All heavy atoms as atom14 arrays in JSON, in Angstrom:
{
  "sequence": "EAAVQATRQWQLTAVGANCGATLEMTEEALRRMREADPEAALVAK",
  "atom14_mask": [
    [1, 1, 1, 1, 1, 1, 1, 1, 1, 0, 0, 0, 0, 0],
    [1, 1, 1, 1, 1, 0, 0, 0, 0, 0, 0, 0, 0, 0],
    [1, 1, 1, 1, 1, 0, 0, 0, 0, 0, 0, 0, 0, 0],
    [1, 1, 1, 1, 1, 1, 1, 0, 0, 0, 0, 0, 0, 0],
    [1, 1, 1, 1, 1, 1, 1, 1, 1, 0, 0, 0, 0, 0],
    [1, 1, 1, 1, 1, 0, 0, 0, 0, 0, 0, 0, 0, 0],
    [1, 1, 1, 1, 1, 1, 1, 0, 0, 0, 0, 0, 0, 0],
    [1, 1, 1, 1, 1, 1, 1, 1, 1, 1, 1, 0, 0, 0],
    [1, 1, 1, 1, 1, 1, 1, 1, 1, 0, 0, 0, 0, 0],
    [1, 1, 1, 1, 1, 1, 1, 1, 1, 1, 1, 1, 1, 1],
    [1, 1, 1, 1, 1, 1, 1, 1, 1, 0, 0, 0, 0, 0],
    [1, 1, 1, 1, 1, 1, 1, 1, 0, 0, 0, 0, 0, 0],
    [1, 1, 1, 1, 1, 1, 1, 0, 0, 0, 0, 0, 0, 0],
    [1, 1, 1, 1, 1, 0, 0, 0, 0, 0, 0, 0, 0, 0],
    [1, 1, 1, 1, 1, 1, 1, 0, 0, 0, 0, 0, 0, 0],
    [1, 1, 1, 1, 0, 0, 0, 0, 0, 0, 0, 0, 0, 0],
    [1, 1, 1, 1, 1, 0, 0, 0, 0, 0, 0, 0, 0, 0],
    [1, 1, 1, 1, 1, 1, 1, 1, 0, 0, 0, 0, 0, 0],
    [1, 1, 1, 1, 1, 1, 0, 0, 0, 0, 0, 0, 0, 0],
    [1, 1, 1, 1, 0, 0, 0, 0, 0, 0, 0, 0, 0, 0],
    [1, 1, 1, 1, 1, 0, 0, 0, 0, 0, 0, 0, 0, 0],
    [1, 1, 1, 1, 1, 1, 1, 0, 0, 0, 0, 0, 0, 0],
    [1, 1, 1, 1, 1, 1, 1, 1, 0, 0, 0, 0, 0, 0],
    [1, 1, 1, 1, 1, 1, 1, 1, 1, 0, 0, 0, 0, 0],
    [1, 1, 1, 1, 1, 1, 1, 1, 0, 0, 0, 0, 0, 0],
    [1, 1, 1, 1, 1, 1, 1, 0, 0, 0, 0, 0, 0, 0],
    [1, 1, 1, 1, 1, 1, 1, 1, 1, 0, 0, 0, 0, 0],
    [1, 1, 1, 1, 1, 1, 1, 1, 1, 0, 0, 0, 0, 0],
    [1, 1, 1, 1, 1, 0, 0, 0, 0, 0, 0, 0, 0, 0],
    [1, 1, 1, 1, 1, 1, 1, 1, 0, 0, 0, 0, 0, 0],
    [1, 1, 1, 1, 1, 1, 1, 1, 1, 1, 1, 0, 0, 0],
    [1, 1, 1, 1, 1, 1, 1, 1, 1, 1, 1, 0, 0, 0],
    [1, 1, 1, 1, 1, 1, 1, 1, 0, 0, 0, 0, 0, 0],
    [1, 1, 1, 1, 1, 1, 1, 1, 1, 1, 1, 0, 0, 0],
    [1, 1, 1, 1, 1, 1, 1, 1, 1, 0, 0, 0, 0, 0],
    [1, 1, 1, 1, 1, 0, 0, 0, 0, 0, 0, 0, 0, 0],
    [1, 1, 1, 1, 1, 1, 1, 1, 0, 0, 0, 0, 0, 0],
    [1, 1, 1, 1, 1, 1, 1, 0, 0, 0, 0, 0, 0, 0],
    [1, 1, 1, 1, 1, 1, 1, 1, 1, 0, 0, 0, 0, 0],
    [1, 1, 1, 1, 1, 0, 0, 0, 0, 0, 0, 0, 0, 0],
    [1, 1, 1, 1, 1, 0, 0, 0, 0, 0, 0, 0, 0, 0],
    [1, 1, 1, 1, 1, 1, 1, 1, 0, 0, 0, 0, 0, 0],
    [1, 1, 1, 1, 1, 1, 1, 0, 0, 0, 0, 0, 0, 0],
    [1, 1, 1, 1, 1, 0, 0, 0, 0, 0, 0, 0, 0, 0],
    [1, 1, 1, 1, 1, 1, 1, 1, 1, 0, 0, 0, 0, 0]
  ],
  "atom14_positions": [
    [[0.83, -1.21, 0.0], [0.0, 0.0, 0.0], [0.86, 1.26, 0.0], [0.57, 2.22, -0.72], [-0.91, 0.01, 1.23], [-1.92, -1.12, 1.26], [-1.39, -2.39, 1.9], [-0.15, -2.48, 2.13], [-2.19, -3.29, 2.17], [0.0, 0.0, 0.0], [0.0, 0.0, 0.0], [0.0, 0.0, 0.0], [0.0, 0.0, 0.0], [0.0, 0.0, 0.0]],
    [[1.94, 1.24, 0.79], [2.82, 2.41, 0.84], [3.55, 2.61, -0.47], [3.75, 3.74, -0.93], [3.83, 2.25, 1.99], [0.0, 0.0, 0.0], [0.0, 0.0, 0.0], [0.0, 0.0, 0.0], [0.0, 0.0, 0.0], [0.0, 0.0, 0.0], [0.0, 0.0, 0.0], [0.0, 0.0, 0.0], [0.0, 0.0, 0.0], [0.0, 0.0, 0.0]],
    [[3.93, 1.51, -1.1], [4.64, 1.6, -2.38], [3.75, 2.22, -3.45], [4.17, 3.14, -4.17], [5.11, 0.22, -2.82], [0.0, 0.0, 0.0], [0.0, 0.0, 0.0], [0.0, 0.0, 0.0], [0.0, 0.0, 0.0], [0.0, 0.0, 0.0], [0.0, 0.0, 0.0], [0.0, 0.0, 0.0], [0.0, 0.0, 0.0], [0.0, 0.0, 0.0]],
    [[2.51, 1.73, -3.57], [1.64, 2.25, -4.62], [1.21, 3.68, -4.33], [1.05, 4.5, -5.25], [0.43, 1.32, -4.84], [-0.61, 1.46, -3.75], [-0.2, 1.56, -6.2], [0.0, 0.0, 0.0], [0.0, 0.0, 0.0], [0.0, 0.0, 0.0], [0.0, 0.0, 0.0], [0.0, 0.0, 0.0], [0.0, 0.0, 0.0], [0.0, 0.0, 0.0]],
    [[1.04, 4.02, -3.08], [0.65, 5.4, -2.74], [1.78, 6.38, -3.05], [1.55, 7.47, -3.57], [0.24, 5.47, -1.28], [-1.12, 4.83, -1.01], [-1.37, 4.55, 0.46], [-0.56, 4.9, 1.32], [-2.5, 3.92, 0.75], [0.0, 0.0, 0.0], [0.0, 0.0, 0.0], [0.0, 0.0, 0.0], [0.0, 0.0, 0.0], [0.0, 0.0, 0.0]],
    [[3.02, 5.98, -2.72], [4.16, 6.85, -3.02], [4.34, 7.03, -4.51], [4.54, 8.15, -5.01], [5.43, 6.27, -2.4], [0.0, 0.0, 0.0], [0.0, 0.0, 0.0], [0.0, 0.0, 0.0], [0.0, 0.0, 0.0], [0.0, 0.0, 0.0], [0.0, 0.0, 0.0], [0.0, 0.0, 0.0], [0.0, 0.0, 0.0], [0.0, 0.0, 0.0]],
    [[4.25, 5.94, -5.24], [4.47, 6.03, -6.69], [3.32, 6.76, -7.39], [3.52, 7.34, -8.46], [4.66, 4.63, -7.29], [3.58, 3.78, -6.92], [5.96, 4.01, -6.79], [0.0, 0.0, 0.0], [0.0, 0.0, 0.0], [0.0, 0.0, 0.0], [0.0, 0.0, 0.0], [0.0, 0.0, 0.0], [0.0, 0.0, 0.0], [0.0, 0.0, 0.0]],
    [[2.14, 6.75, -6.78], [1.04, 7.55, -7.34], [1.38, 9.04, -7.26], [1.12, 9.79, -8.2], [-0.26, 7.26, -6.58], [-1.46, 8.07, -7.08], [-2.75, 7.58, -6.43], [-2.65, 7.59, -4.98], [-3.48, 6.95, -4.17], [-4.46, 6.21, -4.66], [-3.32, 7.02, -2.86], [0.0, 0.0, 0.0], [0.0, 0.0, 0.0], [0.0, 0.0, 0.0]],
    [[2.0, 9.43, -6.16], [2.42, 10.83, -6.02], [3.49, 11.18, -7.05], [3.56, 12.33, -7.5], [2.96, 11.07, -4.61], [1.92, 10.93, -3.51], [2.52, 11.05, -2.12], [3.73, 11.12, -1.97], [1.67, 11.06, -1.11], [0.0, 0.0, 0.0], [0.0, 0.0, 0.0], [0.0, 0.0, 0.0], [0.0, 0.0, 0.0], [0.0, 0.0, 0.0]],
    [[4.29, 10.2, -7.43], [5.35, 10.45, -8.43], [4.81, 10.38, -9.85], [5.56, 10.62, -10.8], [6.48, 9.43, -8.25], [7.09, 9.42, -6.89], [7.11, 10.46, -5.99], [7.76, 8.33, -6.25], [7.74, 10.07, -4.83], [8.16, 8.78, -4.95], [8.07, 7.03, -6.63], [8.85, 7.97, -4.06], [8.75, 6.21, -5.74], [9.14, 6.68, -4.47]],
    [[3.55, 10.05, -10.01], [2.88, 10.01, -11.31], [3.62, 9.11, -12.31], [3.95, 9.5, -13.42], [2.73, 11.43, -11.87], [1.88, 12.34, -10.98], [1.7, 13.72, -11.56], [2.6, 14.27, -12.22], [0.55, 14.31, -11.33], [0.0, 0.0, 0.0], [0.0, 0.0, 0.0], [0.0, 0.0, 0.0], [0.0, 0.0, 0.0], [0.0, 0.0, 0.0]],
    [[3.8, 7.87, -11.88], [4.46, 6.89, -12.72], [3.51, 6.35, -13.78], [2.3, 6.41, -13.65], [4.97, 5.73, -11.87], [6.0, 6.07, -10.8], [6.4, 4.8, -10.06], [7.23, 6.72, -11.42], [0.0, 0.0, 0.0], [0.0, 0.0, 0.0], [0.0, 0.0, 0.0], [0.0, 0.0, 0.0], [0.0, 0.0, 0.0], [0.0, 0.0, 0.0]],
    [[4.09, 5.78, -14.81], [3.3, 5.13, -15.86], [2.67, 3.85, -15.34], [1.5, 3.55, -15.62], [4.19, 4.81, -17.07], [4.82, 6.03, -17.52], [3.38, 4.21, -18.2], [0.0, 0.0, 0.0], [0.0, 0.0, 0.0], [0.0, 0.0, 0.0], [0.0, 0.0, 0.0], [0.0, 0.0, 0.0], [0.0, 0.0, 0.0], [0.0, 0.0, 0.0]],
    [[3.44, 3.07, -14.58], [2.95, 1.81, -14.03], [3.78, 1.45, -12.81], [4.92, 1.9, -12.66], [3.02, 0.69, -15.06], [0.0, 0.0, 0.0], [0.0, 0.0, 0.0], [0.0, 0.0, 0.0], [0.0, 0.0, 0.0], [0.0, 0.0, 0.0], [0.0, 0.0, 0.0], [0.0, 0.0, 0.0], [0.0, 0.0, 0.0], [0.0, 0.0, 0.0]],
    [[3.21, 0.62, -11.94], [3.88, 0.2, -10.71], [3.51, -1.25, -10.45], [2.45, -1.71, -10.89], [3.48, 1.1, -9.52], [1.98, 1.0, -9.24], [4.26, 0.75, -8.26], [0.0, 0.0, 0.0], [0.0, 0.0, 0.0], [0.0, 0.0, 0.0], [0.0, 0.0, 0.0], [0.0, 0.0, 0.0], [0.0, 0.0, 0.0], [0.0, 0.0, 0.0]],
    [[4.36, -1.97, -9.74], [4.0, -3.36, -9.49], [4.99, -4.09, -8.63], [5.74, -3.49, -7.83], [0.0, 0.0, 0.0], [0.0, 0.0, 0.0], [0.0, 0.0, 0.0], [0.0, 0.0, 0.0], [0.0, 0.0, 0.0], [0.0, 0.0, 0.0], [0.0, 0.0, 0.0], [0.0, 0.0, 0.0], [0.0, 0.0, 0.0], [0.0, 0.0, 0.0]],
    [[4.99, -5.42, -8.79], [5.81, -6.31, -7.98], [6.6, -7.25, -8.88], [6.05, -7.8, -9.84], [4.93, -7.12, -7.02], [0.0, 0.0, 0.0], [0.0, 0.0, 0.0], [0.0, 0.0, 0.0], [0.0, 0.0, 0.0], [0.0, 0.0, 0.0], [0.0, 0.0, 0.0], [0.0, 0.0, 0.0], [0.0, 0.0, 0.0], [0.0, 0.0, 0.0]],
    [[7.86, -7.43, -8.56], [8.68, -8.4, -9.29], [9.52, -9.18, -8.29], [9.61, -8.82, -7.11], [9.58, -7.72, -10.33], [10.83, -7.12, -9.73], [10.75, -6.15, -8.98], [11.99, -7.68, -10.04], [0.0, 0.0, 0.0], [0.0, 0.0, 0.0], [0.0, 0.0, 0.0], [0.0, 0.0, 0.0], [0.0, 0.0, 0.0], [0.0, 0.0, 0.0]],
    [[10.13, -10.25, -8.76], [10.99, -11.1, -7.94], [10.14, -11.65, -6.79], [9.14, -12.3, -7.02], [12.2, -10.32, -7.47], [13.63, -11.35, -7.06], [0.0, 0.0, 0.0], [0.0, 0.0, 0.0], [0.0, 0.0, 0.0], [0.0, 0.0, 0.0], [0.0, 0.0, 0.0], [0.0, 0.0, 0.0], [0.0, 0.0, 0.0], [0.0, 0.0, 0.0]],
    [[10.49, -11.41, -5.53], [9.68, -11.82, -4.4], [9.97, -13.24, -3.94], [10.56, -14.05, -4.66], [0.0, 0.0, 0.0], [0.0, 0.0, 0.0], [0.0, 0.0, 0.0], [0.0, 0.0, 0.0], [0.0, 0.0, 0.0], [0.0, 0.0, 0.0], [0.0, 0.0, 0.0], [0.0, 0.0, 0.0], [0.0, 0.0, 0.0], [0.0, 0.0, 0.0]],
    [[9.53, -13.54, -2.71], [9.83, -14.84, -2.11], [9.01, -15.96, -2.73], [9.53, -17.03, -3.01], [9.6, -14.77, -0.61], [0.0, 0.0, 0.0], [0.0, 0.0, 0.0], [0.0, 0.0, 0.0], [0.0, 0.0, 0.0], [0.0, 0.0, 0.0], [0.0, 0.0, 0.0], [0.0, 0.0, 0.0], [0.0, 0.0, 0.0], [0.0, 0.0, 0.0]],
    [[7.71, -15.74, -2.91], [6.84, -16.79, -3.45], [5.84, -16.17, -4.41], [5.57, -14.97, -4.37], [6.06, -17.5, -2.32], [5.14, -16.57, -1.73], [6.99, -18.05, -1.25], [0.0, 0.0, 0.0], [0.0, 0.0, 0.0], [0.0, 0.0, 0.0], [0.0, 0.0, 0.0], [0.0, 0.0, 0.0], [0.0, 0.0, 0.0], [0.0, 0.0, 0.0]],
    [[5.24, -17.01, -5.23], [4.18, -16.54, -6.12], [3.01, -15.99, -5.31], [2.42, -14.97, -5.68], [3.7, -17.68, -7.01], [4.65, -18.15, -8.11], [4.11, -19.41, -8.76], [4.86, -17.05, -9.14], [0.0, 0.0, 0.0], [0.0, 0.0, 0.0], [0.0, 0.0, 0.0], [0.0, 0.0, 0.0], [0.0, 0.0, 0.0], [0.0, 0.0, 0.0]],
    [[2.69, -16.66, -4.22], [1.56, -16.23, -3.4], [1.81, -14.86, -2.79], [0.89, -14.03, -2.71], [1.3, -17.27, -2.31], [0.8, -18.61, -2.8], [1.88, -19.47, -3.44], [3.08, -19.19, -3.23], [1.53, -20.42, -4.17], [0.0, 0.0, 0.0], [0.0, 0.0, 0.0], [0.0, 0.0, 0.0], [0.0, 0.0, 0.0], [0.0, 0.0, 0.0]],
    [[3.04, -14.61, -2.36], [3.35, -13.32, -1.76], [3.28, -12.2, -2.8], [2.78, -11.11, -2.53], [4.73, -13.36, -1.11], [5.01, -12.21, -0.17], [6.55, -12.43, 0.77], [6.09, -13.82, 1.82], [0.0, 0.0, 0.0], [0.0, 0.0, 0.0], [0.0, 0.0, 0.0], [0.0, 0.0, 0.0], [0.0, 0.0, 0.0], [0.0, 0.0, 0.0]],
    [[3.77, -12.48, -4.0], [3.69, -11.48, -5.06], [2.24, -11.22, -5.45], [1.84, -10.06, -5.64], [4.49, -11.95, -6.29], [5.86, -12.13, -5.93], [4.39, -10.93, -7.42], [0.0, 0.0, 0.0], [0.0, 0.0, 0.0], [0.0, 0.0, 0.0], [0.0, 0.0, 0.0], [0.0, 0.0, 0.0], [0.0, 0.0, 0.0], [0.0, 0.0, 0.0]],
    [[1.45, -12.27, -5.53], [0.03, -12.1, -5.86], [-0.69, -11.28, -4.8], [-1.5, -10.4, -5.13], [-0.63, -13.46, -6.01], [-2.09, -13.4, -6.44], [-2.69, -14.77, -6.64], [-1.94, -15.77, -6.7], [-3.93, -14.85, -6.75], [0.0, 0.0, 0.0], [0.0, 0.0, 0.0], [0.0, 0.0, 0.0], [0.0, 0.0, 0.0], [0.0, 0.0, 0.0]],
    [[-0.41, -11.56, -3.53], [-1.06, -10.8, -2.46], [-0.63, -9.34, -2.48], [-1.44, -8.44, -2.23], [-0.72, -11.43, -1.1], [-1.32, -10.71, 0.1], [-2.83, -10.66, 0.08], [-3.47, -11.47, -0.63], [-3.4, -9.8, 0.79], [0.0, 0.0, 0.0], [0.0, 0.0, 0.0], [0.0, 0.0, 0.0], [0.0, 0.0, 0.0], [0.0, 0.0, 0.0]],
    [[0.65, -9.09, -2.78], [1.12, -7.71, -2.88], [0.36, -6.96, -3.97], [-0.04, -5.8, -3.8], [2.62, -7.68, -3.14], [0.0, 0.0, 0.0], [0.0, 0.0, 0.0], [0.0, 0.0, 0.0], [0.0, 0.0, 0.0], [0.0, 0.0, 0.0], [0.0, 0.0, 0.0], [0.0, 0.0, 0.0], [0.0, 0.0, 0.0], [0.0, 0.0, 0.0]],
    [[0.16, -7.61, -5.1], [-0.58, -6.99, -6.2], [-2.03, -6.74, -5.81], [-2.61, -5.7, -6.15], [-0.51, -7.87, -7.44], [0.88, -7.97, -8.1], [0.94, -9.16, -9.02], [1.21, -6.68, -8.84], [0.0, 0.0, 0.0], [0.0, 0.0, 0.0], [0.0, 0.0, 0.0], [0.0, 0.0, 0.0], [0.0, 0.0, 0.0], [0.0, 0.0, 0.0]],
    [[-2.63, -7.67, -5.08], [-4.01, -7.5, -4.63], [-4.13, -6.26, -3.72], [-5.05, -5.46, -3.85], [-4.48, -8.75, -3.9], [-5.97, -8.74, -3.54], [-6.34, -10.02, -2.8], [-5.93, -11.2, -3.53], [-6.59, -11.71, -4.56], [-7.73, -11.14, -4.97], [-6.15, -12.79, -5.19], [0.0, 0.0, 0.0], [0.0, 0.0, 0.0], [0.0, 0.0, 0.0]],
    [[-3.15, -6.14, -2.82], [-3.18, -5.0, -1.89], [-2.9, -3.68, -2.61], [-3.44, -2.64, -2.27], [-2.19, -5.24, -0.76], [-2.65, -6.36, 0.18], [-1.54, -6.9, 1.05], [-0.97, -5.89, 1.93], [0.04, -6.13, 2.76], [0.57, -7.35, 2.83], [0.52, -5.16, 3.53], [0.0, 0.0, 0.0], [0.0, 0.0, 0.0], [0.0, 0.0, 0.0]],
    [[-2.04, -3.73, -3.64], [-1.82, -2.53, -4.45], [-3.1, -2.12, -5.16], [-3.45, -0.93, -5.21], [-0.71, -2.79, -5.48], [0.69, -2.79, -4.94], [1.91, -3.02, -6.27], [3.41, -2.48, -5.43], [0.0, 0.0, 0.0], [0.0, 0.0, 0.0], [0.0, 0.0, 0.0], [0.0, 0.0, 0.0], [0.0, 0.0, 0.0], [0.0, 0.0, 0.0]],
    [[-3.8, -3.1, -5.72], [-5.05, -2.8, -6.42], [-6.07, -2.2, -5.47], [-6.76, -1.23, -5.82], [-5.6, -4.09, -7.05], [-7.0, -3.98, -7.64], [-7.08, -2.89, -8.71], [-6.34, -3.25, -9.89], [-5.58, -2.39, -10.59], [-5.47, -1.12, -10.22], [-4.93, -2.78, -11.68], [0.0, 0.0, 0.0], [0.0, 0.0, 0.0], [0.0, 0.0, 0.0]],
    [[-6.18, -2.72, -4.26], [-7.13, -2.18, -3.29], [-6.75, -0.76, -2.88], [-7.62, 0.1, -2.67], [-7.19, -3.08, -2.06], [-7.83, -4.44, -2.34], [-7.69, -5.41, -1.19], [-6.98, -5.07, -0.21], [-8.28, -6.5, -1.25], [0.0, 0.0, 0.0], [0.0, 0.0, 0.0], [0.0, 0.0, 0.0], [0.0, 0.0, 0.0], [0.0, 0.0, 0.0]],
    [[-5.44, -0.48, -2.78], [-4.98, 0.84, -2.37], [-5.14, 1.87, -3.48], [-5.31, 3.06, -3.21], [-3.52, 0.78, -1.92], [0.0, 0.0, 0.0], [0.0, 0.0, 0.0], [0.0, 0.0, 0.0], [0.0, 0.0, 0.0], [0.0, 0.0, 0.0], [0.0, 0.0, 0.0], [0.0, 0.0, 0.0], [0.0, 0.0, 0.0], [0.0, 0.0, 0.0]],
    [[-5.05, 1.42, -4.74], [-5.17, 2.34, -5.88], [-5.85, 1.6, -7.04], [-5.2, 0.98, -7.87], [-3.8, 2.86, -6.31], [-3.9, 3.94, -7.38], [-5.03, 4.18, -7.88], [-2.88, 4.56, -7.7], [0.0, 0.0, 0.0], [0.0, 0.0, 0.0], [0.0, 0.0, 0.0], [0.0, 0.0, 0.0], [0.0, 0.0, 0.0], [0.0, 0.0, 0.0]],
    [[-7.18, 1.66, -7.11], [-7.92, 0.94, -8.16], [-7.57, 1.39, -9.57], [-7.87, 0.66, -10.53], [-9.38, 1.26, -7.83], [-9.39, 1.61, -6.38], [-8.09, 2.31, -6.15], [0.0, 0.0, 0.0], [0.0, 0.0, 0.0], [0.0, 0.0, 0.0], [0.0, 0.0, 0.0], [0.0, 0.0, 0.0], [0.0, 0.0, 0.0], [0.0, 0.0, 0.0]],
    [[-6.95, 2.56, -9.72], [-6.65, 3.08, -11.06], [-5.24, 2.79, -11.53], [-4.9, 3.05, -12.69], [-6.88, 4.6, -11.08], [-8.29, 5.03, -10.68], [-9.34, 4.42, -11.57], [-9.12, 4.37, -12.8], [-10.37, 3.97, -11.06], [0.0, 0.0, 0.0], [0.0, 0.0, 0.0], [0.0, 0.0, 0.0], [0.0, 0.0, 0.0], [0.0, 0.0, 0.0]],
    [[-4.4, 2.25, -10.67], [-2.99, 2.04, -11.03], [-2.85, 1.0, -12.13], [-3.56, -0.01, -12.16], [-2.2, 1.6, -9.8], [0.0, 0.0, 0.0], [0.0, 0.0, 0.0], [0.0, 0.0, 0.0], [0.0, 0.0, 0.0], [0.0, 0.0, 0.0], [0.0, 0.0, 0.0], [0.0, 0.0, 0.0], [0.0, 0.0, 0.0], [0.0, 0.0, 0.0]],
    [[-1.93, 1.25, -13.06], [-1.55, 0.25, -14.05], [-0.53, -0.67, -13.38], [0.58, -0.25, -13.04], [-0.94, 0.91, -15.27], [0.0, 0.0, 0.0], [0.0, 0.0, 0.0], [0.0, 0.0, 0.0], [0.0, 0.0, 0.0], [0.0, 0.0, 0.0], [0.0, 0.0, 0.0], [0.0, 0.0, 0.0], [0.0, 0.0, 0.0], [0.0, 0.0, 0.0]],
    [[-0.9, -1.93, -13.14], [-0.07, -2.83, -12.37], [0.81, -3.72, -13.25], [0.42, -4.11, -14.35], [-0.94, -3.72, -11.48], [-1.71, -3.02, -10.36], [-2.47, -4.04, -9.52], [-0.77, -2.2, -9.47], [0.0, 0.0, 0.0], [0.0, 0.0, 0.0], [0.0, 0.0, 0.0], [0.0, 0.0, 0.0], [0.0, 0.0, 0.0], [0.0, 0.0, 0.0]],
    [[1.98, -4.04, -12.7], [2.96, -4.89, -13.36], [3.25, -6.09, -12.47], [3.44, -5.94, -11.26], [4.27, -4.13, -13.62], [5.31, -5.03, -14.29], [4.02, -2.88, -14.43], [0.0, 0.0, 0.0], [0.0, 0.0, 0.0], [0.0, 0.0, 0.0], [0.0, 0.0, 0.0], [0.0, 0.0, 0.0], [0.0, 0.0, 0.0], [0.0, 0.0, 0.0]],
    [[3.28, -7.29, -13.05], [3.61, -8.51, -12.32], [4.73, -9.24, -13.04], [4.58, -9.64, -14.19], [2.38, -9.42, -12.2], [0.0, 0.0, 0.0], [0.0, 0.0, 0.0], [0.0, 0.0, 0.0], [0.0, 0.0, 0.0], [0.0, 0.0, 0.0], [0.0, 0.0, 0.0], [0.0, 0.0, 0.0], [0.0, 0.0, 0.0], [0.0, 0.0, 0.0]],
    [[5.84, -9.43, -12.34], [6.98, -10.16, -12.92], [7.62, -11.02, -11.83], [8.68, -10.71, -11.29], [7.99, -9.15, -13.49], [8.61, -9.57, -14.84], [9.37, -8.43, -15.46], [9.91, -8.8, -16.84], [11.08, -9.68, -16.82], [0.0, 0.0, 0.0], [0.0, 0.0, 0.0], [0.0, 0.0, 0.0], [0.0, 0.0, 0.0], [0.0, 0.0, 0.0]]
  ]
}
């Protein structure tokens, strides 16, 4: 949530999650980003 909120202030083209410990953790991070900013263009890698 803090990551997506900060990057929204920076007016980025897209924001997201890459690498990470597990697929489940990356998926949950993306879910929480989406809830924090429904308009963000999300990236998953």
